[in-house]
PDB file of N, CA and C in Angstrom:
ATOM      1  N   MET A   1    -180.641 209.713 -24.756  1.00  0.00           N
ATOM      2  CA  MET A   1    -181.782 210.589 -24.735  1.00  0.00           C
ATOM      3  C   MET A   1    -182.662 210.214 -25.923  1.00  0.00           C
ATOM      4  N   MET A   2    -183.950 209.996 -25.714  1.00  0.00           N
ATOM      5  CA  MET A   2    -184.871 209.547 -26.751  1.00  0.00           C
ATOM      6  C   MET A   2    -185.751 210.701 -27.221  1.00  0.00           C
ATOM      7  N   ASP A   3    -185.994 210.739 -28.528  1.00  0.00           N
ATOM      8  CA  ASP A   3    -186.923 211.704 -29.124  1.00  0.00           C
ATOM      9  C   ASP A   3    -188.158 210.926 -29.546  1.00  0.00           C
ATOM     10  N   THR A   4    -189.280 211.162 -28.895  1.00  0.00           N
ATOM     11  CA  THR A   4    -190.506 210.438 -29.234  1.00  0.00           C
ATOM     12  C   THR A   4    -191.525 211.337 -29.936  1.00  0.00           C
ATOM     13  N   THR A   5    -191.104 212.498 -30.421  1.00  0.00           N
ATOM     14  CA  THR A   5    -192.022 213.368 -31.132  1.00  0.00           C
ATOM     15  C   THR A   5    -192.320 212.788 -32.505  1.00  0.00           C
ATOM     16  N   LYS A   6    -193.554 212.946 -32.948  1.00  0.00           N
ATOM     17  CA  LYS A   6    -193.983 212.508 -34.276  1.00  0.00           C
ATOM     18  C   LYS A   6    -193.674 211.039 -34.540  1.00  0.00           C
ATOM     19  N   GLY A   7    -193.780 210.191 -33.525  1.00  0.00           N
ATOM     20  CA  GLY A   7    -193.556 208.768 -33.720  1.00  0.00           C
ATOM     21  C   GLY A   7    -192.103 208.361 -33.769  1.00  0.00           C
ATOM     22  N   ARG A   8    -191.210 209.285 -33.611  1.00  0.00           N
ATOM     23  CA  ARG A   8    -189.780 208.982 -33.667  1.00  0.00           C
ATOM     24  C   ARG A   8    -189.375 208.170 -32.445  1.00  0.00           C
ATOM     25  N   ASP A   9    -188.379 207.371 -32.650  1.00  0.00           N
ATOM     26  CA  ASP A   9    -187.811 206.572 -31.557  1.00  0.00           C
ATOM     27  C   ASP A   9    -186.318 206.484 -31.814  1.00  0.00           C
ATOM     28  N   ASP A  10    -185.629 207.591 -31.568  1.00  0.00           N
ATOM     29  CA  ASP A  10    -184.200 207.604 -31.834  1.00  0.00           C
ATOM     30  C   ASP A  10    -183.436 208.169 -30.652  1.00  0.00           C
ATOM     31  N   PHE A  11    -182.177 207.785 -30.587  1.00  0.00           N
ATOM     32  CA  PHE A  11    -181.340 208.085 -29.439  1.00  0.00           C
ATOM     33  C   PHE A  11    -180.040 208.747 -29.856  1.00  0.00           C
ATOM     34  N   VAL A  12    -179.608 209.716 -29.081  1.00  0.00           N
ATOM     35  CA  VAL A  12    -178.279 210.278 -29.206  1.00  0.00           C
ATOM     36  C   VAL A  12    -177.346 209.363 -28.421  1.00  0.00           C
ATOM     37  N   VAL A  13    -176.196 209.042 -29.009  1.00  0.00           N
ATOM     38  CA  VAL A  13    -175.245 208.137 -28.365  1.00  0.00           C
ATOM     39  C   VAL A  13    -174.074 208.955 -27.830  1.00  0.00           C
ATOM     40  N   VAL A  14    -173.804 208.800 -26.535  1.00  0.00           N
ATOM     41  CA  VAL A  14    -172.733 209.521 -25.856  1.00  0.00           C
ATOM     42  C   VAL A  14    -171.693 208.518 -25.388  1.00  0.00           C
ATOM     43  N   TYR A  15    -170.428 208.825 -25.624  1.00  0.00           N
ATOM     44  CA  TYR A  15    -169.316 207.971 -25.198  1.00  0.00           C
ATOM     45  C   TYR A  15    -168.232 208.864 -24.613  1.00  0.00           C
ATOM     46  N   GLU A  16    -167.806 208.550 -23.416  1.00  0.00           N
ATOM     47  CA  GLU A  16    -166.787 209.333 -22.705  1.00  0.00           C
ATOM     48  C   GLU A  16    -167.128 210.818 -22.690  1.00  0.00           C
ATOM     49  N   GLY A  17    -168.423 211.110 -22.443  1.00  0.00           N
ATOM     50  CA  GLY A  17    -168.879 212.488 -22.308  1.00  0.00           C
ATOM     51  C   GLY A  17    -169.073 213.247 -23.608  1.00  0.00           C
ATOM     52  N   GLN A  18    -168.877 212.587 -24.743  1.00  0.00           N
ATOM     53  CA  GLN A  18    -169.013 213.242 -26.040  1.00  0.00           C
ATOM     54  C   GLN A  18    -170.114 212.578 -26.862  1.00  0.00           C
ATOM     55  N   VAL A  19    -170.882 213.383 -27.572  1.00  0.00           N
ATOM     56  CA  VAL A  19    -171.856 212.834 -28.512  1.00  0.00           C
ATOM     57  C   VAL A  19    -171.072 212.250 -29.677  1.00  0.00           C
ATOM     58  N   ILE A  20    -171.308 210.952 -29.949  1.00  0.00           N
ATOM     59  CA  ILE A  20    -170.591 210.286 -31.038  1.00  0.00           C
ATOM     60  C   ILE A  20    -171.514 209.859 -32.167  1.00  0.00           C
ATOM     61  N   GLY A  21    -172.833 209.948 -31.950  1.00  0.00           N
ATOM     62  CA  GLY A  21    -173.739 209.537 -33.016  1.00  0.00           C
ATOM     63  C   GLY A  21    -175.180 209.541 -32.598  1.00  0.00           C
ATOM     64  N   LYS A  22    -175.966 208.969 -33.508  1.00  0.00           N
ATOM     65  CA  LYS A  22    -177.405 208.874 -33.293  1.00  0.00           C
ATOM     66  C   LYS A  22    -177.885 207.601 -33.980  1.00  0.00           C
ATOM     67  N   ILE A  23    -178.858 206.919 -33.348  1.00  0.00           N
ATOM     68  CA  ILE A  23    -179.421 205.704 -33.921  1.00  0.00           C
ATOM     69  C   ILE A  23    -180.887 205.594 -33.540  1.00  0.00           C
ATOM     70  N   GLY A  24    -181.666 205.012 -34.430  1.00  0.00           N
ATOM     71  CA  GLY A  24    -183.068 204.785 -34.122  1.00  0.00           C
ATOM     72  C   GLY A  24    -183.937 204.862 -35.342  1.00  0.00           C
ATOM     73  N   CYS A  25    -185.216 205.050 -35.105  1.00  0.00           N
ATOM     74  CA  CYS A  25    -186.203 205.128 -36.176  1.00  0.00           C
ATOM     75  C   CYS A  25    -186.787 206.530 -36.219  1.00  0.00           C
ATOM     76  N   TYR A  26    -186.414 207.274 -37.230  1.00  0.00           N
ATOM     77  CA  TYR A  26    -186.995 208.595 -37.439  1.00  0.00           C
ATOM     78  C   TYR A  26    -188.440 208.441 -37.882  1.00  0.00           C
ATOM     79  N   GLN A  27    -188.681 207.434 -38.729  1.00  0.00           N
ATOM     80  CA  GLN A  27    -190.026 207.043 -39.133  1.00  0.00           C
ATOM     81  C   GLN A  27    -190.102 205.526 -39.026  1.00  0.00           C
ATOM     82  N   PRO A  28    -190.547 205.017 -37.881  1.00  0.00           N
ATOM     83  CA  PRO A  28    -190.593 203.556 -37.693  1.00  0.00           C
ATOM     84  C   PRO A  28    -191.353 202.868 -38.819  1.00  0.00           C
ATOM     85  N   PRO A  29    -190.847 201.740 -39.276  1.00  0.00           N
ATOM     86  CA  PRO A  29    -189.768 200.908 -38.756  1.00  0.00           C
ATOM     87  C   PRO A  29    -188.422 201.140 -39.423  1.00  0.00           C
ATOM     88  N   ASP A  30    -188.211 202.301 -40.085  1.00  0.00           N
ATOM     89  CA  ASP A  30    -186.981 202.564 -40.828  1.00  0.00           C
ATOM     90  C   ASP A  30    -185.820 202.936 -39.910  1.00  0.00           C
ATOM     91  N   LEU A  31    -184.859 202.027 -39.796  1.00  0.00           N
ATOM     92  CA  LEU A  31    -183.676 202.255 -38.957  1.00  0.00           C
ATOM     93  C   LEU A  31    -182.718 203.201 -39.657  1.00  0.00           C
ATOM     94  N   GLY A  32    -182.172 204.110 -38.895  1.00  0.00           N
ATOM     95  CA  GLY A  32    -181.147 205.005 -39.409  1.00  0.00           C
ATOM     96  C   GLY A  32    -180.103 205.259 -38.344  1.00  0.00           C
ATOM     97  N   PHE A  33    -178.900 205.567 -38.784  1.00  0.00           N
ATOM     98  CA  PHE A  33    -177.832 205.856 -37.825  1.00  0.00           C
ATOM     99  C   PHE A  33    -176.755 206.679 -38.500  1.00  0.00           C
ATOM    100  N   ILE A  34    -176.059 207.447 -37.672  1.00  0.00           N
ATOM    101  CA  ILE A  34    -174.903 208.211 -38.110  1.00  0.00           C
ATOM    102  C   ILE A  34    -173.959 208.306 -36.922  1.00  0.00           C
ATOM    103  N   PHE A  35    -172.682 208.030 -37.171  1.00  0.00           N
ATOM    104  CA  PHE A  35    -171.675 208.056 -36.119  1.00  0.00           C
ATOM    105  C   PHE A  35    -170.433 208.788 -36.604  1.00  0.00           C
ATOM    106  N   SER A  36    -169.747 209.434 -35.683  1.00  0.00           N
ATOM    107  CA  SER A  36    -168.515 210.144 -35.980  1.00  0.00           C
ATOM    108  C   SER A  36    -167.459 209.178 -36.515  1.00  0.00           C
ATOM    109  N   LYS A  37    -166.730 209.605 -37.527  1.00  0.00           N
ATOM    110  CA  LYS A  37    -165.635 208.784 -38.063  1.00  0.00           C
ATOM    111  C   LYS A  37    -164.597 208.478 -36.986  1.00  0.00           C
ATOM    112  N   ASP A  38    -164.523 209.321 -35.974  1.00  0.00           N
ATOM    113  CA  ASP A  38    -163.553 209.114 -34.888  1.00  0.00           C
ATOM    114  C   ASP A  38    -163.780 207.808 -34.137  1.00  0.00           C
ATOM    115  N   VAL A  39    -164.999 207.264 -34.190  1.00  0.00           N
ATOM    116  CA  VAL A  39    -165.282 206.026 -33.442  1.00  0.00           C
ATOM    117  C   VAL A  39    -165.477 204.812 -34.347  1.00  0.00           C
ATOM    118  N   TRP A  40    -165.343 204.999 -35.655  1.00  0.00           N
ATOM    119  CA  TRP A  40    -165.478 203.862 -36.559  1.00  0.00           C
ATOM    120  C   TRP A  40    -164.423 202.811 -36.230  1.00  0.00           C
ATOM    121  N   GLY A  41    -164.810 201.562 -36.292  1.00  0.00           N
ATOM    122  CA  GLY A  41    -163.880 200.458 -36.058  1.00  0.00           C
ATOM    123  C   GLY A  41    -163.663 200.110 -34.601  1.00  0.00           C
ATOM    124  N   LYS A  42    -164.359 200.766 -33.701  1.00  0.00           N
ATOM    125  CA  LYS A  42    -164.185 200.507 -32.267  1.00  0.00           C
ATOM    126  C   LYS A  42    -165.304 199.660 -31.676  1.00  0.00           C
ATOM    127  N   GLY A  43    -166.277 199.263 -32.494  1.00  0.00           N
ATOM    128  CA  GLY A  43    -167.380 198.431 -32.017  1.00  0.00           C
ATOM    129  C   GLY A  43    -168.509 199.204 -31.357  1.00  0.00           C
ATOM    130  N   LEU A  44    -168.394 200.518 -31.295  1.00  0.00           N
ATOM    131  CA  LEU A  44    -169.412 201.318 -30.613  1.00  0.00           C
ATOM    132  C   LEU A  44    -170.707 201.392 -31.408  1.00  0.00           C
ATOM    133  N   THR A  45    -170.611 201.459 -32.725  1.00  0.00           N
ATOM    134  CA  THR A  45    -171.820 201.475 -33.553  1.00  0.00           C
ATOM    135  C   THR A  45    -172.541 200.139 -33.424  1.00  0.00           C
ATOM    136  N   ARG A  46    -171.789 199.051 -33.451  1.00  0.00           N
ATOM    137  CA  ARG A  46    -172.391 197.721 -33.294  1.00  0.00           C
ATOM    138  C   ARG A  46    -173.068 197.601 -31.937  1.00  0.00           C
ATOM    139  N   GLU A  47    -172.420 198.073 -30.894  1.00  0.00           N
ATOM    140  CA  GLU A  47    -173.007 198.014 -29.545  1.00  0.00           C
ATOM    141  C   GLU A  47    -174.295 198.830 -29.479  1.00  0.00           C
ATOM    142  N   ALA A  48    -174.274 200.023 -30.056  1.00  0.00           N
ATOM    143  CA  ALA A  48    -175.476 200.864 -30.054  1.00  0.00           C
ATOM    144  C   ALA A  48    -176.583 200.219 -30.886  1.00  0.00           C
ATOM    145  N   ALA A  49    -176.239 199.625 -32.022  1.00  0.00           N
ATOM    146  CA  ALA A  49    -177.244 198.985 -32.877  1.00  0.00           C
ATOM    147  C   ALA A  49    -177.881 197.796 -32.173  1.00  0.00           C
ATOM    148  N   ARG A  50    -177.083 196.981 -31.525  1.00  0.00           N
ATOM    149  CA  ARG A  50    -177.646 195.836 -30.802  1.00  0.00           C
ATOM    150  C   ARG A  50    -178.543 196.301 -29.668  1.00  0.00           C
ATOM    151  N   ALA A  51    -178.147 197.353 -28.968  1.00  0.00           N
ATOM    152  CA  ALA A  51    -178.986 197.888 -27.890  1.00  0.00           C
ATOM    153  C   ALA A  51    -180.290 198.426 -28.463  1.00  0.00           C
ATOM    154  N   TYR A  52    -180.212 199.115 -29.611  1.00  0.00           N
ATOM    155  CA  TYR A  52    -181.444 199.638 -30.202  1.00  0.00           C
ATOM    156  C   TYR A  52    -182.346 198.502 -30.683  1.00  0.00           C
ATOM    157  N   ILE A  53    -181.786 197.486 -31.291  1.00  0.00           N
ATOM    158  CA  ILE A  53    -182.588 196.346 -31.753  1.00  0.00           C
ATOM    159  C   ILE A  53    -183.289 195.685 -30.570  1.00  0.00           C
ATOM    160  N   ASP A  54    -182.579 195.493 -29.470  1.00  0.00           N
ATOM    161  CA  ASP A  54    -183.205 194.934 -28.262  1.00  0.00           C
ATOM    162  C   ASP A  54    -184.339 195.832 -27.785  1.00  0.00           C
ATOM    163  N   HIS A  55    -184.110 197.131 -27.781  1.00  0.00           N
ATOM    164  CA  HIS A  55    -185.134 198.105 -27.376  1.00  0.00           C
ATOM    165  C   HIS A  55    -186.354 198.009 -28.289  1.00  0.00           C
ATOM    166  N   ALA A  56    -186.130 197.982 -29.600  1.00  0.00           N
ATOM    167  CA  ALA A  56    -187.237 197.928 -30.556  1.00  0.00           C
ATOM    168  C   ALA A  56    -188.034 196.637 -30.407  1.00  0.00           C
ATOM    169  N   ALA A  57    -187.351 195.545 -30.119  1.00  0.00           N
ATOM    170  CA  ALA A  57    -188.024 194.248 -29.970  1.00  0.00           C
ATOM    171  C   ALA A  57    -188.961 194.224 -28.767  1.00  0.00           C
ATOM    172  N   LYS A  58    -188.689 195.056 -27.771  1.00  0.00           N
ATOM    173  CA  LYS A  58    -189.534 195.113 -26.577  1.00  0.00           C
ATOM    174  C   LYS A  58    -190.755 196.015 -26.778  1.00  0.00           C
ATOM    175  N   GLY A  59    -190.769 196.757 -27.878  1.00  0.00           N
ATOM    176  CA  GLY A  59    -191.881 197.668 -28.165  1.00  0.00           C
ATOM    177  C   GLY A  59    -192.878 197.042 -29.111  1.00  0.00           C
ATOM    178  N   SER A  60    -193.530 197.872 -29.870  1.00  0.00           N
ATOM    179  CA  SER A  60    -194.604 197.402 -30.745  1.00  0.00           C
ATOM    180  C   SER A  60    -194.120 196.983 -32.132  1.00  0.00           C
ATOM    181  N   LEU A  61    -192.851 197.238 -32.460  1.00  0.00           N
ATOM    182  CA  LEU A  61    -192.347 196.868 -33.781  1.00  0.00           C
ATOM    183  C   LEU A  61    -192.106 195.369 -33.868  1.00  0.00           C
ATOM    184  N   THR A  62    -192.353 194.811 -35.039  1.00  0.00           N
ATOM    185  CA  THR A  62    -192.073 193.386 -35.264  1.00  0.00           C
ATOM    186  C   THR A  62    -190.919 193.199 -36.247  1.00  0.00           C
ATOM    187  N   TYR A  63    -190.485 194.302 -36.874  1.00  0.00           N
ATOM    188  CA  TYR A  63    -189.353 194.251 -37.792  1.00  0.00           C
ATOM    189  C   TYR A  63    -188.777 195.643 -37.954  1.00  0.00           C
ATOM    190  N   LEU A  64    -187.553 195.709 -38.467  1.00  0.00           N
ATOM    191  CA  LEU A  64    -186.903 196.964 -38.816  1.00  0.00           C
ATOM    192  C   LEU A  64    -186.545 196.908 -40.293  1.00  0.00           C
ATOM    193  N   THR A  65    -186.523 198.064 -40.944  1.00  0.00           N
ATOM    194  CA  THR A  65    -186.116 198.142 -42.338  1.00  0.00           C
ATOM    195  C   THR A  65    -184.970 199.148 -42.466  1.00  0.00           C
ATOM    196  N   ALA A  66    -184.295 199.088 -43.611  1.00  0.00           N
ATOM    197  CA  ALA A  66    -183.233 200.050 -43.900  1.00  0.00           C
ATOM    198  C   ALA A  66    -183.194 200.289 -45.398  1.00  0.00           C
ATOM    199  N   ASP A  67    -182.793 201.485 -45.785  1.00  0.00           N
ATOM    200  CA  ASP A  67    -182.656 201.897 -47.181  1.00  0.00           C
ATOM    201  C   ASP A  67    -181.219 202.392 -47.322  1.00  0.00           C
ATOM    202  N   VAL A  68    -180.416 201.689 -48.135  1.00  0.00           N
ATOM    203  CA  VAL A  68    -178.977 201.969 -48.204  1.00  0.00           C
ATOM    204  C   VAL A  68    -178.558 202.174 -49.658  1.00  0.00           C
ATOM    205  N   ASP A  69    -177.672 203.122 -49.886  1.00  0.00           N
ATOM    206  CA  ASP A  69    -177.061 203.305 -51.199  1.00  0.00           C
ATOM    207  C   ASP A  69    -176.247 202.043 -51.515  1.00  0.00           C
ATOM    208  N   PRO A  70    -176.439 201.421 -52.682  1.00  0.00           N
ATOM    209  CA  PRO A  70    -175.719 200.192 -52.998  1.00  0.00           C
ATOM    210  C   PRO A  70    -174.198 200.364 -53.067  1.00  0.00           C
ATOM    211  N   HIS A  71    -173.722 201.592 -53.174  1.00  0.00           N
ATOM    212  CA  HIS A  71    -172.280 201.845 -53.172  1.00  0.00           C
ATOM    213  C   HIS A  71    -171.690 201.839 -51.762  1.00  0.00           C
ATOM    214  N   ASN A  72    -172.540 201.835 -50.748  1.00  0.00           N
ATOM    215  CA  ASN A  72    -172.078 201.879 -49.359  1.00  0.00           C
ATOM    216  C   ASN A  72    -171.882 200.454 -48.833  1.00  0.00           C
ATOM    217  N   ALA A  73    -170.810 199.832 -49.291  1.00  0.00           N
ATOM    218  CA  ALA A  73    -170.528 198.435 -48.931  1.00  0.00           C
ATOM    219  C   ALA A  73    -170.315 198.260 -47.429  1.00  0.00           C
ATOM    220  N   VAL A  74    -169.735 199.247 -46.771  1.00  0.00           N
ATOM    221  CA  VAL A  74    -169.497 199.136 -45.327  1.00  0.00           C
ATOM    222  C   VAL A  74    -170.825 199.059 -44.581  1.00  0.00           C
ATOM    223  N   CYS A  75    -171.753 199.910 -44.928  1.00  0.00           N
ATOM    224  CA  CYS A  75    -173.064 199.904 -44.272  1.00  0.00           C
ATOM    225  C   CYS A  75    -173.818 198.613 -44.575  1.00  0.00           C
ATOM    226  N   LEU A  76    -173.774 198.167 -45.825  1.00  0.00           N
ATOM    227  CA  LEU A  76    -174.461 196.925 -46.190  1.00  0.00           C
ATOM    228  C   LEU A  76    -173.870 195.742 -45.425  1.00  0.00           C
ATOM    229  N   GLY A  77    -172.554 195.698 -45.286  1.00  0.00           N
ATOM    230  CA  GLY A  77    -171.909 194.633 -44.519  1.00  0.00           C
ATOM    231  C   GLY A  77    -172.267 194.698 -43.045  1.00  0.00           C
ATOM    232  N   PHE A  78    -172.317 195.908 -42.516  1.00  0.00           N
ATOM    233  CA  PHE A  78    -172.682 196.100 -41.111  1.00  0.00           C
ATOM    234  C   PHE A  78    -174.096 195.591 -40.851  1.00  0.00           C
ATOM    235  N   LEU A  79    -175.030 195.963 -41.717  1.00  0.00           N
ATOM    236  CA  LEU A  79    -176.410 195.516 -41.530  1.00  0.00           C
ATOM    237  C   LEU A  79    -176.542 194.006 -41.724  1.00  0.00           C
ATOM    238  N   ALA A  80    -175.795 193.430 -42.645  1.00  0.00           N
ATOM    239  CA  ALA A  80    -175.807 191.969 -42.812  1.00  0.00           C
ATOM    240  C   ALA A  80    -175.315 191.297 -41.535  1.00  0.00           C
ATOM    241  N   HIS A  81    -174.294 191.867 -40.903  1.00  0.00           N
ATOM    242  CA  HIS A  81    -173.782 191.336 -39.638  1.00  0.00           C
ATOM    243  C   HIS A  81    -174.857 191.378 -38.547  1.00  0.00           C
ATOM    244  N   LEU A  82    -175.779 192.328 -38.666  1.00  0.00           N
ATOM    245  CA  LEU A  82    -176.875 192.455 -37.701  1.00  0.00           C
ATOM    246  C   LEU A  82    -178.109 191.656 -38.130  1.00  0.00           C
ATOM    247  N   SER A  83    -177.952 190.775 -39.110  1.00  0.00           N
ATOM    248  CA  SER A  83    -179.009 189.870 -39.602  1.00  0.00           C
ATOM    249  C   SER A  83    -180.071 190.550 -40.456  1.00  0.00           C
ATOM    250  N   PHE A  84    -179.757 191.697 -41.043  1.00  0.00           N
ATOM    251  CA  PHE A  84    -180.655 192.296 -42.020  1.00  0.00           C
ATOM    252  C   PHE A  84    -180.491 191.545 -43.332  1.00  0.00           C
ATOM    253  N   LYS A  85    -181.593 191.331 -44.030  1.00  0.00           N
ATOM    254  CA  LYS A  85    -181.606 190.628 -45.309  1.00  0.00           C
ATOM    255  C   LYS A  85    -182.114 191.570 -46.395  1.00  0.00           C
ATOM    256  N   THR A  86    -181.514 191.487 -47.572  1.00  0.00           N
ATOM    257  CA  THR A  86    -181.939 192.299 -48.704  1.00  0.00           C
ATOM    258  C   THR A  86    -183.320 191.864 -49.170  1.00  0.00           C
ATOM    259  N   THR A  87    -184.193 192.845 -49.348  1.00  0.00           N
ATOM    260  CA  THR A  87    -185.556 192.553 -49.806  1.00  0.00           C
ATOM    261  C   THR A  87    -185.865 193.155 -51.164  1.00  0.00           C
ATOM    262  N   GLY A  88    -185.028 194.058 -51.648  1.00  0.00           N
ATOM    263  CA  GLY A  88    -185.302 194.655 -52.947  1.00  0.00           C
ATOM    264  C   GLY A  88    -184.321 195.748 -53.319  1.00  0.00           C
ATOM    265  N   PHE A  89    -184.510 196.240 -54.537  1.00  0.00           N
ATOM    266  CA  PHE A  89    -183.665 197.298 -55.092  1.00  0.00           C
ATOM    267  C   PHE A  89    -184.558 198.291 -55.827  1.00  0.00           C
ATOM    268  N   ALA A  90    -184.104 199.526 -55.915  1.00  0.00           N
ATOM    269  CA  ALA A  90    -184.815 200.535 -56.694  1.00  0.00           C
ATOM    270  C   ALA A  90    -183.795 201.531 -57.239  1.00  0.00           C
ATOM    271  N   SER A  91    -184.100 202.087 -58.393  1.00  0.00           N
ATOM    272  CA  SER A  91    -183.214 203.051 -59.034  1.00  0.00           C
ATOM    273  C   SER A  91    -183.710 204.471 -58.811  1.00  0.00           C
ATOM    274  N   ARG A  92    -182.752 205.381 -58.707  1.00  0.00           N
ATOM    275  CA  ARG A  92    -183.033 206.814 -58.646  1.00  0.00           C
ATOM    276  C   ARG A  92    -184.049 207.168 -57.555  1.00  0.00           C
ATOM    277  N   THR A  93    -183.740 206.778 -56.327  1.00  0.00           N
ATOM    278  CA  THR A  93    -184.657 207.006 -55.214  1.00  0.00           C
ATOM    279  C   THR A  93    -184.319 208.233 -54.384  1.00  0.00           C
ATOM    280  N   TRP A  94    -183.069 208.657 -54.399  1.00  0.00           N
ATOM    281  CA  TRP A  94    -182.629 209.796 -53.594  1.00  0.00           C
ATOM    282  C   TRP A  94    -181.855 210.763 -54.480  1.00  0.00           C
ATOM    283  N   LEU A  95    -182.201 212.021 -54.413  1.00  0.00           N
ATOM    284  CA  LEU A  95    -181.449 213.047 -55.124  1.00  0.00           C
ATOM    285  C   LEU A  95    -180.520 213.708 -54.109  1.00  0.00           C
ATOM    286  N   VAL A  96    -179.222 213.511 -54.298  1.00  0.00           N
ATOM    287  CA  VAL A  96    -178.207 214.082 -53.413  1.00  0.00           C
ATOM    288  C   VAL A  96    -177.437 215.099 -54.239  1.00  0.00           C
ATOM    289  N   GLY A  97    -177.673 216.367 -53.950  1.00  0.00           N
ATOM    290  CA  GLY A  97    -177.109 217.414 -54.801  1.00  0.00           C
ATOM    291  C   GLY A  97    -177.743 217.298 -56.178  1.00  0.00           C
ATOM    292  N   ASP A  98    -176.913 217.078 -57.179  1.00  0.00           N
ATOM    293  CA  ASP A  98    -177.395 216.910 -58.547  1.00  0.00           C
ATOM    294  C   ASP A  98    -177.342 215.452 -59.002  1.00  0.00           C
ATOM    295  N   THR A  99    -177.078 214.528 -58.079  1.00  0.00           N
ATOM    296  CA  THR A  99    -176.878 213.126 -58.434  1.00  0.00           C
ATOM    297  C   THR A  99    -177.983 212.252 -57.868  1.00  0.00           C
ATOM    298  N   TRP A 100    -178.583 211.425 -58.725  1.00  0.00           N
ATOM    299  CA  TRP A 100    -179.565 210.456 -58.267  1.00  0.00           C
ATOM    300  C   TRP A 100    -178.837 209.235 -57.739  1.00  0.00           C
ATOM    301  N   CYS A 101    -179.301 208.739 -56.595  1.00  0.00           N
ATOM    302  CA  CYS A 101    -178.742 207.533 -55.986  1.00  0.00           C
ATOM    303  C   CYS A 101    -179.792 206.431 -55.989  1.00  0.00           C
ATOM    304  N   ASP A 102    -179.323 205.209 -56.004  1.00  0.00           N
ATOM    305  CA  ASP A 102    -180.207 204.049 -55.970  1.00  0.00           C
ATOM    306  C   ASP A 102    -180.383 203.588 -54.521  1.00  0.00           C
ATOM    307  N   SER A 103    -181.215 202.575 -54.327  1.00  0.00           N
ATOM    308  CA  SER A 103    -181.469 202.045 -52.985  1.00  0.00           C
ATOM    309  C   SER A 103    -181.413 200.525 -52.974  1.00  0.00           C
ATOM    310  N   VAL A 104    -180.866 200.003 -51.889  1.00  0.00           N
ATOM    311  CA  VAL A 104    -181.003 198.593 -51.528  1.00  0.00           C
ATOM    312  C   VAL A 104    -181.885 198.601 -50.291  1.00  0.00           C
ATOM    313  N   TYR A 105    -182.953 197.808 -50.307  1.00  0.00           N
ATOM    314  CA  TYR A 105    -183.854 197.738 -49.163  1.00  0.00           C
ATOM    315  C   TYR A 105    -183.549 196.471 -48.378  1.00  0.00           C
ATOM    316  N   LEU A 106    -183.542 196.615 -47.048  1.00  0.00           N
ATOM    317  CA  LEU A 106    -183.241 195.504 -46.163  1.00  0.00           C
ATOM    318  C   LEU A 106    -184.279 195.427 -45.054  1.00  0.00           C
ATOM    319  N   ARG A 107    -184.358 194.246 -44.433  1.00  0.00           N
ATOM    320  CA  ARG A 107    -185.306 194.036 -43.349  1.00  0.00           C
ATOM    321  C   ARG A 107    -184.711 193.042 -42.351  1.00  0.00           C
ATOM    322  N   ARG A 108    -185.058 193.280 -41.089  1.00  0.00           N
ATOM    323  CA  ARG A 108    -184.680 192.362 -40.012  1.00  0.00           C
ATOM    324  C   ARG A 108    -185.894 192.157 -39.135  1.00  0.00           C
ATOM    325  N   ASP A 109    -186.335 190.913 -39.024  1.00  0.00           N
ATOM    326  CA  ASP A 109    -187.441 190.612 -38.110  1.00  0.00           C
ATOM    327  C   ASP A 109    -186.941 190.659 -36.686  1.00  0.00           C
ATOM    328  N   LEU A 110    -187.820 191.101 -35.785  1.00  0.00           N
ATOM    329  CA  LEU A 110    -187.438 191.205 -34.361  1.00  0.00           C
ATOM    330  C   LEU A 110    -187.953 190.011 -33.580  1.00  0.00           C
TER     331      LEU A 110
END
């Protein structure tokens, strides 16, 4: 199911009748995703990401970007596997609770 309100292009991902996650661009071209820990390691996130990348390539986008906490090695590795390349770094970009987090910026041309 796609949400196209306010320029969004994101999808709820359903597997075996259950919602397992969401992927897409809340603010294009910024890719975002969240999946249930119950499906981690099963290839479902990778399958959904590849499907979304194919979808985005058929639209008006020419690239996707991502903003990741540098401590999230799993996410950074996942995006590298999807051919995202690091384009920059920034300090204190997100305030989570009382803690400032940094950012690694990535990009993938479509």
